[in-house]
């Protein structure tokens, strides 16, 4: 009887050790080799490796989802343009908003003009609450986020965590759009 109890106790202990090891591995997998917490995964696939702040990473755009959301190759990463918000065109249970189709077309034209390859920059938060990578999108010296605001096709979102220099650019672009009564500011 004592052998049975010891054997049963050993089995329970072994299961507990394996479970603890599995939980430890899951917890450790949340961090990279430098101890930084890994970003949340997007529904579109694994999130591409981050670039350092101010560093540009060239990627191909697989698809423009709407004015401020892209699908990036090679791993189908969903990317959200940092610091701006365009009117909705594809949000579930939301009607297409005025200037939304124009914002989407502007983004498509910008990407097409870059040959489908753009430089992305992470500045501030890496991912939003939906796991989308937050990016500034460049084609040479042209910044898509800023151009959408300047054309009156997006509003700046200044409460989020990104550089003051970019916030200043977006505020100046909004002032230009308002003065010229473009897009959102034409009514």
N, C-alpha and C. Protein backbone atom coordinates (compact mmCIF):
# COMPACT_ATOMS: atom_id res chain seq x y z
N UNK A 1 0.82 -1.19 0.00
CA UNK A 1 0.00 0.00 0.00
C UNK A 1 0.87 1.26 0.00
N UNK A 2 1.96 1.27 0.77
CA UNK A 2 2.86 2.42 0.82
C UNK A 2 3.50 2.65 -0.55
N UNK A 3 3.84 1.56 -1.25
CA UNK A 3 4.43 1.68 -2.59
C UNK A 3 3.42 2.32 -3.55
N UNK A 4 2.16 1.96 -3.43
CA UNK A 4 1.12 2.51 -4.29
C UNK A 4 0.98 4.01 -4.04
N UNK A 5 0.94 4.42 -2.75
CA UNK A 5 0.80 5.83 -2.41
C UNK A 5 2.00 6.63 -2.93
N UNK A 6 3.20 6.07 -2.75
CA UNK A 6 4.39 6.76 -3.21
C UNK A 6 4.35 6.89 -4.74
N UNK A 7 3.96 5.84 -5.39
CA UNK A 7 3.88 5.84 -6.84
C UNK A 7 2.85 6.86 -7.32
N UNK A 8 1.71 6.89 -6.69
CA UNK A 8 0.65 7.84 -7.03
C UNK A 8 1.12 9.27 -6.76
N UNK A 9 1.77 9.50 -5.64
CA UNK A 9 2.30 10.81 -5.29
C UNK A 9 3.35 11.23 -6.32
N UNK A 10 4.20 10.32 -6.72
CA UNK A 10 5.22 10.63 -7.71
C UNK A 10 4.59 11.00 -9.06
N UNK A 11 3.52 10.30 -9.42
CA UNK A 11 2.84 10.60 -10.68
C UNK A 11 2.25 12.01 -10.64
N UNK A 12 1.60 12.34 -9.55
CA UNK A 12 1.00 13.67 -9.41
C UNK A 12 2.09 14.74 -9.45
N UNK A 13 3.18 14.50 -8.76
CA UNK A 13 4.29 15.44 -8.74
C UNK A 13 4.88 15.60 -10.15
N UNK A 14 5.02 14.52 -10.88
CA UNK A 14 5.56 14.58 -12.24
C UNK A 14 4.64 15.40 -13.15
N UNK A 15 3.33 15.19 -13.04
CA UNK A 15 2.38 15.96 -13.84
C UNK A 15 2.47 17.44 -13.48
N UNK A 16 2.58 17.75 -12.20
CA UNK A 16 2.68 19.14 -11.75
C UNK A 16 3.95 19.79 -12.29
N UNK A 17 5.06 19.07 -12.28
CA UNK A 17 6.33 19.60 -12.79
C UNK A 17 6.23 19.88 -14.29
N UNK A 18 5.64 18.96 -15.05
CA UNK A 18 5.48 19.15 -16.49
C UNK A 18 4.57 20.34 -16.77
N UNK A 19 3.47 20.46 -16.03
CA UNK A 19 2.55 21.59 -16.21
C UNK A 19 3.25 22.91 -15.89
N UNK A 20 4.01 22.94 -14.82
CA UNK A 20 4.74 24.15 -14.44
C UNK A 20 5.76 24.52 -15.51
N UNK A 21 6.45 23.53 -16.06
CA UNK A 21 7.43 23.78 -17.12
C UNK A 21 6.75 24.35 -18.37
N UNK A 22 5.59 23.81 -18.71
CA UNK A 22 4.85 24.30 -19.88
C UNK A 22 4.41 25.75 -19.67
N UNK A 23 3.90 26.06 -18.49
CA UNK A 23 3.49 27.43 -18.20
C UNK A 23 4.68 28.39 -18.22
N UNK A 24 5.80 27.94 -17.69
CA UNK A 24 7.01 28.76 -17.70
C UNK A 24 7.44 29.06 -19.14
N UNK A 25 7.39 28.04 -20.00
CA UNK A 25 7.76 28.24 -21.40
C UNK A 25 6.82 29.24 -22.07
N UNK A 26 5.52 29.10 -21.85
CA UNK A 26 4.56 30.06 -22.42
C UNK A 26 4.86 31.48 -21.96
N UNK A 27 5.16 31.63 -20.69
CA UNK A 27 5.45 32.95 -20.14
C UNK A 27 6.74 33.49 -20.75
N UNK A 28 7.79 32.67 -20.83
CA UNK A 28 9.07 33.11 -21.37
C UNK A 28 8.98 33.45 -22.86
N UNK A 29 8.11 32.77 -23.60
CA UNK A 29 7.94 33.03 -25.03
C UNK A 29 7.36 34.41 -25.30
N UNK A 30 6.86 35.09 -24.27
CA UNK A 30 6.33 36.44 -24.44
C UNK A 30 7.45 37.47 -24.56
N UNK A 31 8.68 37.07 -24.32
CA UNK A 31 9.81 38.00 -24.30
C UNK A 31 10.86 37.57 -25.30
N UNK A 32 11.54 38.57 -25.93
CA UNK A 32 12.62 38.25 -26.85
C UNK A 32 13.92 38.06 -26.07
N UNK A 33 15.01 37.85 -26.82
CA UNK A 33 16.30 37.56 -26.18
C UNK A 33 16.86 38.74 -25.40
N UNK A 34 16.29 39.94 -25.60
CA UNK A 34 16.74 41.13 -24.87
C UNK A 34 15.86 41.45 -23.67
N UNK A 35 14.87 40.60 -23.42
CA UNK A 35 13.97 40.82 -22.29
C UNK A 35 12.80 41.74 -22.60
N UNK A 36 12.64 42.13 -23.87
CA UNK A 36 11.53 42.99 -24.27
C UNK A 36 10.30 42.14 -24.56
N UNK A 37 9.15 42.62 -24.13
CA UNK A 37 7.91 41.88 -24.38
C UNK A 37 7.62 41.87 -25.88
N UNK A 38 7.31 40.69 -26.41
CA UNK A 38 6.98 40.58 -27.83
C UNK A 38 5.61 41.21 -28.07
N UNK A 39 5.41 41.81 -29.27
CA UNK A 39 4.10 42.40 -29.58
C UNK A 39 3.05 41.33 -29.77
N UNK A 40 1.79 41.74 -29.62
CA UNK A 40 0.68 40.82 -29.86
C UNK A 40 0.67 40.42 -31.32
N UNK A 41 0.22 39.22 -31.60
CA UNK A 41 0.12 38.75 -32.98
C UNK A 41 -1.14 39.30 -33.62
N UNK A 42 -1.05 39.62 -34.90
CA UNK A 42 -2.23 40.09 -35.62
C UNK A 42 -2.97 38.89 -36.18
N UNK A 43 -4.23 39.09 -36.53
CA UNK A 43 -5.00 38.01 -37.12
C UNK A 43 -4.44 37.63 -38.48
N UNK A 44 -3.76 38.55 -39.14
CA UNK A 44 -3.26 38.31 -40.48
C UNK A 44 -2.02 37.46 -40.52
N UNK A 45 -1.46 37.04 -39.43
CA UNK A 45 -0.25 36.23 -39.43
C UNK A 45 0.76 36.80 -38.46
N UNK A 46 1.97 36.25 -38.48
CA UNK A 46 2.98 36.70 -37.54
C UNK A 46 3.39 38.15 -37.82
N UNK A 47 3.75 38.84 -36.78
CA UNK A 47 4.18 40.22 -36.91
C UNK A 47 5.64 40.24 -37.32
N UNK A 48 5.96 41.03 -38.34
CA UNK A 48 7.33 41.13 -38.82
C UNK A 48 8.22 41.74 -37.74
N UNK A 49 9.51 41.49 -37.85
CA UNK A 49 10.46 42.00 -36.88
C UNK A 49 10.40 43.52 -36.83
N UNK A 50 10.44 44.10 -35.65
CA UNK A 50 10.34 45.55 -35.55
C UNK A 50 11.61 46.23 -36.02
N UNK A 51 11.44 47.45 -36.52
CA UNK A 51 12.61 48.26 -36.80
C UNK A 51 12.83 49.14 -35.58
N UNK A 52 14.05 49.60 -35.40
CA UNK A 52 14.34 50.50 -34.29
C UNK A 52 13.71 51.86 -34.59
N UNK A 53 13.38 52.66 -33.56
CA UNK A 53 12.80 53.98 -33.81
C UNK A 53 13.69 54.78 -34.76
N UNK A 54 13.07 55.37 -35.78
CA UNK A 54 13.81 56.15 -36.76
C UNK A 54 14.43 55.32 -37.87
N UNK A 55 14.46 54.02 -37.72
CA UNK A 55 15.04 53.13 -38.73
C UNK A 55 13.95 52.72 -39.71
N UNK A 56 14.29 52.77 -40.99
CA UNK A 56 13.32 52.40 -42.02
C UNK A 56 13.54 50.95 -42.43
N UNK A 57 12.43 50.26 -42.63
CA UNK A 57 12.46 48.87 -43.07
C UNK A 57 11.64 48.79 -44.35
N UNK A 58 12.25 48.32 -45.44
CA UNK A 58 11.54 48.24 -46.70
C UNK A 58 10.72 46.96 -46.76
N UNK A 59 9.44 47.11 -47.08
CA UNK A 59 8.54 45.97 -47.21
C UNK A 59 7.62 46.17 -48.40
N UNK A 60 7.12 45.08 -48.92
CA UNK A 60 6.13 45.12 -50.00
C UNK A 60 4.73 45.12 -49.38
N UNK A 61 3.87 45.95 -49.95
CA UNK A 61 2.48 46.00 -49.51
C UNK A 61 1.70 44.97 -50.32
N UNK A 62 1.10 44.03 -49.62
CA UNK A 62 0.30 42.99 -50.26
C UNK A 62 -1.05 43.55 -50.70
N UNK A 63 -1.65 44.38 -49.81
CA UNK A 63 -2.99 44.89 -50.10
C UNK A 63 -3.28 46.11 -49.24
N UNK A 64 -4.00 47.06 -49.80
CA UNK A 64 -4.52 48.20 -49.04
C UNK A 64 -5.91 47.79 -48.56
N UNK A 65 -6.09 47.72 -47.25
CA UNK A 65 -7.38 47.33 -46.68
C UNK A 65 -8.34 48.51 -46.70
N UNK A 66 -7.86 49.66 -46.23
CA UNK A 66 -8.61 50.91 -46.29
C UNK A 66 -7.60 52.04 -46.20
N UNK A 67 -8.06 53.26 -45.98
CA UNK A 67 -7.16 54.40 -46.00
C UNK A 67 -6.02 54.35 -45.02
N UNK A 68 -6.21 53.70 -43.87
CA UNK A 68 -5.15 53.68 -42.86
C UNK A 68 -4.74 52.28 -42.41
N UNK A 69 -5.06 51.27 -43.20
CA UNK A 69 -4.69 49.90 -42.85
C UNK A 69 -4.14 49.18 -44.08
N UNK A 70 -2.98 48.52 -43.89
CA UNK A 70 -2.31 47.80 -44.96
C UNK A 70 -2.07 46.36 -44.54
N UNK A 71 -1.90 45.50 -45.52
CA UNK A 71 -1.46 44.13 -45.30
C UNK A 71 -0.07 44.04 -45.91
N UNK A 72 0.93 43.69 -45.08
CA UNK A 72 2.33 43.69 -45.52
C UNK A 72 2.82 42.27 -45.80
N UNK A 73 3.66 42.14 -46.83
CA UNK A 73 4.35 40.89 -47.09
C UNK A 73 5.62 40.89 -46.25
N UNK A 74 6.25 39.80 -45.99
CA UNK A 74 5.96 38.47 -46.53
C UNK A 74 5.01 37.66 -45.66
N UNK A 75 4.61 38.17 -44.50
CA UNK A 75 3.88 37.32 -43.55
C UNK A 75 2.46 37.80 -43.25
N UNK A 76 1.89 38.59 -44.15
CA UNK A 76 0.50 39.04 -44.02
C UNK A 76 0.26 39.87 -42.76
N UNK A 77 1.25 40.63 -42.34
CA UNK A 77 1.11 41.48 -41.15
C UNK A 77 0.14 42.62 -41.43
N UNK A 78 -0.83 42.79 -40.54
CA UNK A 78 -1.73 43.94 -40.64
C UNK A 78 -1.02 45.13 -40.01
N UNK A 79 -0.98 46.23 -40.76
CA UNK A 79 -0.31 47.44 -40.28
C UNK A 79 -1.30 48.59 -40.29
N UNK A 80 -1.27 49.39 -39.25
CA UNK A 80 -2.15 50.55 -39.09
C UNK A 80 -1.27 51.79 -39.14
N UNK A 81 -1.67 52.78 -39.94
CA UNK A 81 -0.90 54.01 -40.02
C UNK A 81 -0.97 54.72 -38.67
N UNK A 82 0.19 54.93 -38.08
CA UNK A 82 0.31 55.54 -36.75
C UNK A 82 -0.07 57.02 -36.82
N UNK A 83 -0.76 57.50 -35.80
CA UNK A 83 -0.99 58.92 -35.63
C UNK A 83 -2.12 59.52 -36.43
N UNK A 84 -2.85 58.71 -37.20
CA UNK A 84 -3.95 59.26 -37.99
C UNK A 84 -5.16 58.33 -37.96
N UNK A 85 -6.28 58.87 -38.39
CA UNK A 85 -7.50 58.07 -38.54
C UNK A 85 -8.22 58.55 -39.79
N UNK A 86 -8.46 57.63 -40.72
CA UNK A 86 -9.21 57.97 -41.93
C UNK A 86 -10.67 57.54 -41.73
N UNK A 87 -11.58 58.14 -42.47
CA UNK A 87 -12.98 57.71 -42.38
C UNK A 87 -13.12 56.23 -42.76
N UNK A 88 -14.06 55.57 -42.14
CA UNK A 88 -14.24 54.12 -42.30
C UNK A 88 -14.83 53.75 -43.66
N UNK A 89 -14.35 52.60 -44.18
CA UNK A 89 -14.93 52.03 -45.40
C UNK A 89 -15.23 50.55 -45.26
N UNK A 90 -14.55 49.87 -44.33
CA UNK A 90 -14.73 48.41 -44.22
C UNK A 90 -15.05 47.94 -42.81
N UNK A 91 -15.27 48.84 -41.88
CA UNK A 91 -15.55 48.46 -40.50
C UNK A 91 -16.93 47.81 -40.41
N UNK A 92 -16.96 46.65 -39.77
CA UNK A 92 -18.20 45.90 -39.63
C UNK A 92 -19.26 46.73 -38.91
N UNK A 93 -20.49 46.65 -39.39
CA UNK A 93 -21.64 47.35 -38.81
C UNK A 93 -21.50 48.87 -38.83
N UNK A 94 -20.64 49.39 -39.72
CA UNK A 94 -20.46 50.83 -39.85
C UNK A 94 -20.63 51.20 -41.32
N UNK A 95 -21.50 52.16 -41.62
CA UNK A 95 -21.64 52.55 -43.03
C UNK A 95 -20.36 53.21 -43.54
N UNK A 96 -20.16 53.16 -44.84
CA UNK A 96 -19.02 53.83 -45.45
C UNK A 96 -19.16 55.32 -45.15
N UNK A 97 -18.09 55.90 -44.60
CA UNK A 97 -18.13 57.31 -44.19
C UNK A 97 -17.62 58.21 -45.31
N UNK A 98 -18.13 59.43 -45.30
CA UNK A 98 -17.72 60.42 -46.29
C UNK A 98 -16.20 60.59 -46.26
N UNK A 99 -15.58 60.64 -47.40
CA UNK A 99 -14.15 60.78 -47.63
C UNK A 99 -13.38 59.48 -47.39
N UNK A 100 -14.05 58.43 -46.93
CA UNK A 100 -13.38 57.14 -46.74
C UNK A 100 -12.88 56.53 -48.03
N UNK A 101 -13.73 56.43 -49.07
CA UNK A 101 -13.25 55.87 -50.34
C UNK A 101 -12.10 56.68 -50.94
N UNK A 102 -12.15 58.00 -50.80
CA UNK A 102 -11.07 58.84 -51.32
C UNK A 102 -9.77 58.59 -50.56
N UNK A 103 -9.86 58.40 -49.25
CA UNK A 103 -8.66 58.10 -48.46
C UNK A 103 -8.07 56.76 -48.88
N UNK A 104 -8.93 55.77 -49.09
CA UNK A 104 -8.45 54.45 -49.53
C UNK A 104 -7.78 54.57 -50.90
N UNK A 105 -8.39 55.30 -51.81
CA UNK A 105 -7.81 55.45 -53.15
C UNK A 105 -6.48 56.20 -53.08
N UNK A 106 -6.38 57.22 -52.23
CA UNK A 106 -5.13 57.96 -52.09
C UNK A 106 -4.02 57.02 -51.61
N UNK A 107 -4.35 56.19 -50.64
CA UNK A 107 -3.36 55.24 -50.12
C UNK A 107 -2.95 54.25 -51.21
N UNK A 108 -3.90 53.74 -51.97
CA UNK A 108 -3.58 52.83 -53.08
C UNK A 108 -2.66 53.51 -54.10
N UNK A 109 -2.97 54.76 -54.44
CA UNK A 109 -2.15 55.49 -55.41
C UNK A 109 -0.74 55.72 -54.88
N UNK A 110 -0.63 56.04 -53.59
CA UNK A 110 0.69 56.25 -52.97
C UNK A 110 1.51 54.96 -53.06
N UNK A 111 0.89 53.84 -52.71
CA UNK A 111 1.58 52.54 -52.74
C UNK A 111 1.96 52.19 -54.18
N UNK A 112 1.04 52.39 -55.11
CA UNK A 112 1.31 52.10 -56.53
C UNK A 112 2.48 52.96 -57.01
N UNK A 113 2.50 54.24 -56.62
CA UNK A 113 3.58 55.14 -57.00
C UNK A 113 4.94 54.72 -56.45
N UNK A 114 4.91 53.94 -55.39
CA UNK A 114 6.15 53.43 -54.79
C UNK A 114 6.51 52.05 -55.36
N UNK A 115 5.77 51.62 -56.38
CA UNK A 115 6.03 50.30 -56.95
C UNK A 115 5.65 49.17 -56.01
N UNK A 116 4.78 49.45 -55.06
CA UNK A 116 4.33 48.43 -54.12
C UNK A 116 5.28 48.21 -52.94
N UNK A 117 6.46 48.83 -52.99
CA UNK A 117 7.44 48.70 -51.90
C UNK A 117 7.57 50.04 -51.19
N UNK A 118 7.42 50.02 -49.87
CA UNK A 118 7.52 51.23 -49.08
C UNK A 118 8.50 51.01 -47.93
N UNK A 119 8.90 52.10 -47.31
CA UNK A 119 9.72 52.02 -46.12
C UNK A 119 8.79 52.29 -44.94
N UNK A 120 8.86 51.42 -43.96
CA UNK A 120 8.03 51.64 -42.77
C UNK A 120 8.93 51.98 -41.60
N UNK A 121 8.38 52.79 -40.72
CA UNK A 121 9.09 53.23 -39.52
C UNK A 121 8.18 53.05 -38.32
N UNK A 122 8.73 52.46 -37.29
CA UNK A 122 8.01 52.35 -36.02
C UNK A 122 8.49 53.50 -35.15
N UNK A 123 7.56 54.27 -34.62
CA UNK A 123 7.89 55.42 -33.79
C UNK A 123 6.88 55.43 -32.65
N UNK A 124 7.28 54.98 -31.48
CA UNK A 124 6.35 54.90 -30.35
C UNK A 124 5.86 53.49 -30.17
N UNK A 125 4.57 53.35 -29.91
CA UNK A 125 3.99 52.03 -29.67
C UNK A 125 4.20 51.14 -30.89
N UNK A 126 4.43 49.85 -30.65
CA UNK A 126 4.68 48.91 -31.74
C UNK A 126 3.39 48.37 -32.34
N UNK A 127 2.40 48.09 -31.50
CA UNK A 127 1.15 47.49 -31.99
C UNK A 127 -0.03 48.09 -31.23
N UNK A 128 -1.19 48.12 -31.90
CA UNK A 128 -2.39 48.61 -31.24
C UNK A 128 -3.11 47.48 -30.52
N UNK A 129 -4.27 47.78 -29.92
CA UNK A 129 -4.98 46.79 -29.12
C UNK A 129 -5.50 45.62 -29.95
N UNK A 130 -5.51 45.77 -31.28
CA UNK A 130 -5.96 44.68 -32.16
C UNK A 130 -4.79 43.89 -32.72
N UNK A 131 -3.58 44.20 -32.28
CA UNK A 131 -2.39 43.49 -32.75
C UNK A 131 -1.84 44.00 -34.07
N UNK A 132 -2.40 45.10 -34.58
CA UNK A 132 -1.88 45.65 -35.83
C UNK A 132 -0.60 46.43 -35.56
N UNK A 133 0.37 46.25 -36.42
CA UNK A 133 1.64 46.96 -36.31
C UNK A 133 1.40 48.44 -36.61
N UNK A 134 1.86 49.33 -35.76
CA UNK A 134 1.68 50.77 -35.94
C UNK A 134 2.89 51.33 -36.68
N UNK A 135 2.65 51.96 -37.84
CA UNK A 135 3.76 52.37 -38.69
C UNK A 135 3.55 53.75 -39.30
N UNK A 136 4.66 54.37 -39.62
CA UNK A 136 4.69 55.52 -40.50
C UNK A 136 5.21 54.97 -41.83
N UNK A 137 4.59 55.37 -42.93
CA UNK A 137 4.90 54.80 -44.25
C UNK A 137 5.53 55.87 -45.13
N UNK A 138 6.73 55.55 -45.62
CA UNK A 138 7.51 56.47 -46.43
C UNK A 138 7.69 55.94 -47.85
N UNK A 139 7.76 56.87 -48.80
CA UNK A 139 8.25 56.61 -50.16
C UNK A 139 9.23 57.74 -50.43
N UNK A 140 10.51 57.45 -50.25
CA UNK A 140 11.52 58.50 -50.34
C UNK A 140 11.31 59.48 -49.21
N UNK A 141 11.12 60.77 -49.55
CA UNK A 141 10.90 61.78 -48.51
C UNK A 141 9.42 62.08 -48.29
N UNK A 142 8.55 61.30 -48.92
CA UNK A 142 7.10 61.49 -48.76
C UNK A 142 6.58 60.59 -47.65
N UNK A 143 5.81 61.17 -46.74
CA UNK A 143 5.24 60.45 -45.60
C UNK A 143 3.73 60.32 -45.83
N UNK A 144 3.26 59.09 -46.06
CA UNK A 144 1.85 58.84 -46.36
C UNK A 144 0.94 59.38 -45.26
N UNK A 145 1.26 59.11 -44.01
CA UNK A 145 0.43 59.55 -42.89
C UNK A 145 0.19 61.06 -42.97
N UNK A 146 1.25 61.81 -43.21
CA UNK A 146 1.17 63.27 -43.29
C UNK A 146 0.38 63.71 -44.52
N UNK A 147 0.61 63.06 -45.66
CA UNK A 147 -0.09 63.45 -46.89
C UNK A 147 -1.59 63.25 -46.78
N UNK A 148 -2.01 62.15 -46.14
CA UNK A 148 -3.45 61.92 -45.96
C UNK A 148 -4.09 63.05 -45.15
N UNK A 149 -3.39 63.50 -44.12
CA UNK A 149 -3.90 64.62 -43.30
C UNK A 149 -3.91 65.90 -44.13
N UNK A 150 -2.83 66.17 -44.86
CA UNK A 150 -2.73 67.41 -45.66
C UNK A 150 -3.81 67.47 -46.74
N UNK A 151 -4.20 66.32 -47.27
CA UNK A 151 -5.25 66.27 -48.29
C UNK A 151 -6.66 66.31 -47.69
N UNK A 152 -6.75 66.35 -46.37
CA UNK A 152 -8.05 66.39 -45.70
C UNK A 152 -8.73 65.03 -45.68
N UNK A 153 -7.95 63.96 -45.81
CA UNK A 153 -8.51 62.61 -45.86
C UNK A 153 -8.29 61.83 -44.56
N UNK A 154 -7.69 62.49 -43.57
CA UNK A 154 -7.45 61.86 -42.26
C UNK A 154 -7.33 62.95 -41.22
N UNK A 155 -7.61 62.56 -39.99
CA UNK A 155 -7.42 63.45 -38.84
C UNK A 155 -6.22 62.94 -38.05
N UNK A 156 -5.40 63.85 -37.53
CA UNK A 156 -4.31 63.39 -36.67
C UNK A 156 -4.84 62.88 -35.34
N UNK A 157 -4.21 61.88 -34.81
CA UNK A 157 -4.51 61.34 -33.48
C UNK A 157 -3.28 61.62 -32.62
N UNK A 158 -3.35 62.67 -31.84
CA UNK A 158 -2.18 63.18 -31.12
C UNK A 158 -2.02 62.60 -29.73
N UNK A 159 -3.02 61.89 -29.22
CA UNK A 159 -2.95 61.36 -27.86
C UNK A 159 -2.10 60.09 -27.77
N UNK A 160 -1.75 59.52 -28.91
CA UNK A 160 -1.00 58.26 -28.88
C UNK A 160 0.49 58.51 -28.70
N UNK A 161 1.20 57.43 -28.38
CA UNK A 161 2.62 57.50 -28.07
C UNK A 161 3.47 57.42 -29.35
N UNK A 162 3.89 58.58 -29.84
CA UNK A 162 4.88 58.67 -30.92
C UNK A 162 5.54 60.04 -30.80
N UNK A 163 6.58 60.27 -31.58
CA UNK A 163 7.43 61.44 -31.37
C UNK A 163 6.70 62.77 -31.56
N UNK A 164 7.15 63.75 -30.80
CA UNK A 164 6.60 65.10 -30.91
C UNK A 164 6.86 65.67 -32.29
N UNK A 165 7.99 65.34 -32.89
CA UNK A 165 8.30 65.85 -34.24
C UNK A 165 7.24 65.39 -35.24
N UNK A 166 6.81 64.14 -35.15
CA UNK A 166 5.77 63.64 -36.07
C UNK A 166 4.42 64.29 -35.73
N UNK A 167 4.14 64.48 -34.46
CA UNK A 167 2.90 65.15 -34.07
C UNK A 167 2.86 66.57 -34.65
N UNK A 168 4.00 67.26 -34.59
CA UNK A 168 4.07 68.62 -35.14
C UNK A 168 3.82 68.61 -36.65
N UNK A 169 4.39 67.62 -37.35
CA UNK A 169 4.16 67.51 -38.80
C UNK A 169 2.68 67.29 -39.10
N UNK A 170 2.04 66.42 -38.33
CA UNK A 170 0.63 66.12 -38.58
C UNK A 170 -0.25 67.33 -38.25
N UNK A 171 0.09 68.06 -37.18
CA UNK A 171 -0.68 69.27 -36.84
C UNK A 171 -0.56 70.32 -37.94
N UNK A 172 0.65 70.50 -38.46
CA UNK A 172 0.87 71.46 -39.55
C UNK A 172 0.11 71.04 -40.80
N UNK A 173 0.10 69.75 -41.09
CA UNK A 173 -0.64 69.25 -42.25
C UNK A 173 -2.14 69.49 -42.09
N UNK A 174 -2.65 69.32 -40.88
CA UNK A 174 -4.07 69.58 -40.63
C UNK A 174 -4.39 71.06 -40.82
N UNK A 175 -3.52 71.93 -40.34
CA UNK A 175 -3.74 73.37 -40.52
C UNK A 175 -3.80 73.72 -42.02
N UNK A 176 -2.89 73.11 -42.81
CA UNK A 176 -2.89 73.34 -44.26
C UNK A 176 -4.22 72.90 -44.87
N UNK A 177 -4.69 71.72 -44.50
CA UNK A 177 -5.95 71.18 -45.04
C UNK A 177 -7.13 72.07 -44.64
N UNK A 178 -7.13 72.53 -43.40
CA UNK A 178 -8.22 73.38 -42.93
C UNK A 178 -8.23 74.72 -43.67
N UNK A 179 -7.05 75.32 -43.83
CA UNK A 179 -6.96 76.61 -44.54
C UNK A 179 -7.43 76.47 -45.99
N UNK A 180 -7.06 75.36 -46.62
CA UNK A 180 -7.42 75.14 -48.02
C UNK A 180 -8.81 74.52 -48.17
N UNK A 181 -9.44 74.18 -47.05
CA UNK A 181 -10.78 73.58 -47.03
C UNK A 181 -10.82 72.31 -47.89
N UNK A 182 -9.85 71.42 -47.63
CA UNK A 182 -9.77 70.16 -48.35
C UNK A 182 -10.48 69.05 -47.59
N UNK A 183 -11.10 68.14 -48.33
CA UNK A 183 -11.64 66.91 -47.77
C UNK A 183 -12.55 67.12 -46.58
N UNK A 184 -12.16 66.55 -45.45
CA UNK A 184 -12.95 66.63 -44.22
C UNK A 184 -13.26 68.07 -43.82
N UNK A 185 -12.45 69.00 -44.27
CA UNK A 185 -12.59 70.41 -43.87
C UNK A 185 -13.32 71.23 -44.93
N UNK A 186 -13.88 70.59 -45.96
CA UNK A 186 -14.52 71.32 -47.05
C UNK A 186 -15.97 71.70 -46.74
N UNK A 187 -16.56 71.08 -45.76
CA UNK A 187 -17.97 71.36 -45.44
C UNK A 187 -18.13 72.56 -44.53
